[in-house]
């Protein structure tokens, strides 16, 4: 089963609309869009990473020990 088939129907429709819009772009505009999308994906990845670190408590022990070291 393809990734597209695994998407909910609403997302499949959204992808279909996006696909038809992209096909109408010039090559230069498509390149710009691709660069913007990659930038957004990297930003989203950073945000997800921070959310996971916070929810899993990753790095809190390090922060606490750094604070204690600074106090001494």
Protein backbone atom coordinates (compact mmCIF):
# COMPACT_ATOMS: atom_id res chain seq x y z
CA UNK A 1 0.00 0.00 0.00
CA UNK A 2 1.39 3.40 -0.95
CA UNK A 3 1.82 6.26 1.50
CA UNK A 4 -0.87 8.18 -0.34
CA UNK A 5 -3.38 5.36 0.18
CA UNK A 6 -2.62 5.33 3.90
CA UNK A 7 -3.57 8.99 4.27
CA UNK A 8 -7.05 9.93 5.46
CA UNK A 9 -9.40 10.88 2.64
CA UNK A 10 -9.21 14.58 3.52
CA UNK A 11 -5.40 14.56 3.23
CA UNK A 12 -5.55 12.62 -0.03
CA UNK A 13 -7.80 15.33 -1.43
CA UNK A 14 -5.50 18.08 -0.11
CA UNK A 15 -2.52 16.37 -1.74
CA UNK A 16 -4.40 16.06 -5.02
CA UNK A 17 -5.24 19.78 -5.03
CA UNK A 18 -1.63 20.68 -4.18
CA UNK A 19 -0.38 18.39 -6.94
CA UNK A 20 -2.55 20.10 -9.55
CA UNK A 21 -1.41 23.55 -8.37
CA UNK A 22 2.28 22.57 -8.50
CA UNK A 23 1.92 21.22 -12.04
CA UNK A 24 0.84 24.68 -13.14
CA UNK A 25 3.92 26.42 -11.69
CA UNK A 26 6.88 27.51 -13.75
CA UNK A 27 10.11 25.60 -13.17
CA UNK A 28 11.59 28.54 -11.23
CA UNK A 29 8.50 28.90 -9.03
CA UNK A 30 8.51 25.14 -8.39
CA UNK A 31 12.16 25.36 -7.24
CA UNK A 32 11.31 28.22 -4.88
CA UNK A 33 8.35 26.29 -3.49
CA UNK A 34 10.50 23.21 -2.95
CA UNK A 35 13.11 25.24 -1.06
CA UNK A 36 10.41 26.84 1.11
CA UNK A 37 8.85 23.46 1.84
CA UNK A 38 12.21 22.01 2.89
CA UNK A 39 12.81 24.99 5.16
CA UNK A 40 9.39 24.48 6.76
CA UNK A 41 10.07 20.75 7.21
CA UNK A 42 13.36 21.47 8.99
CA UNK A 43 11.65 24.01 11.24
CA UNK A 44 8.89 21.52 12.03
CA UNK A 45 11.49 18.84 12.81
CA UNK A 46 13.21 21.19 15.27
CA UNK A 47 9.93 22.00 16.98
CA UNK A 48 8.97 18.31 17.25
CA UNK A 49 12.41 17.52 18.66
CA UNK A 50 12.01 20.23 21.33
CA UNK A 51 8.50 19.04 22.21
CA UNK A 52 9.71 15.46 22.58
CA UNK A 53 12.72 16.49 24.65
CA UNK A 54 10.46 18.46 26.95
CA UNK A 55 7.79 15.78 27.27
CA UNK A 56 10.35 12.99 27.82
CA UNK A 57 12.41 15.12 30.20
CA UNK A 58 15.55 14.76 28.13
CA UNK A 59 18.29 17.15 29.22
CA UNK A 60 16.57 18.23 32.46
CA UNK A 61 19.19 16.45 34.59
CA UNK A 62 21.92 18.27 32.71
CA UNK A 63 20.21 21.63 33.26
CA UNK A 64 19.79 20.92 36.99
CA UNK A 65 23.42 19.85 37.42
CA UNK A 66 24.60 22.93 35.51
CA UNK A 67 22.51 25.16 37.79
CA UNK A 68 23.92 23.45 40.89
CA UNK A 69 27.47 23.83 39.58
CA UNK A 70 26.90 27.52 38.94
CA UNK A 71 25.64 28.04 42.49
CA UNK A 72 28.79 26.49 44.05
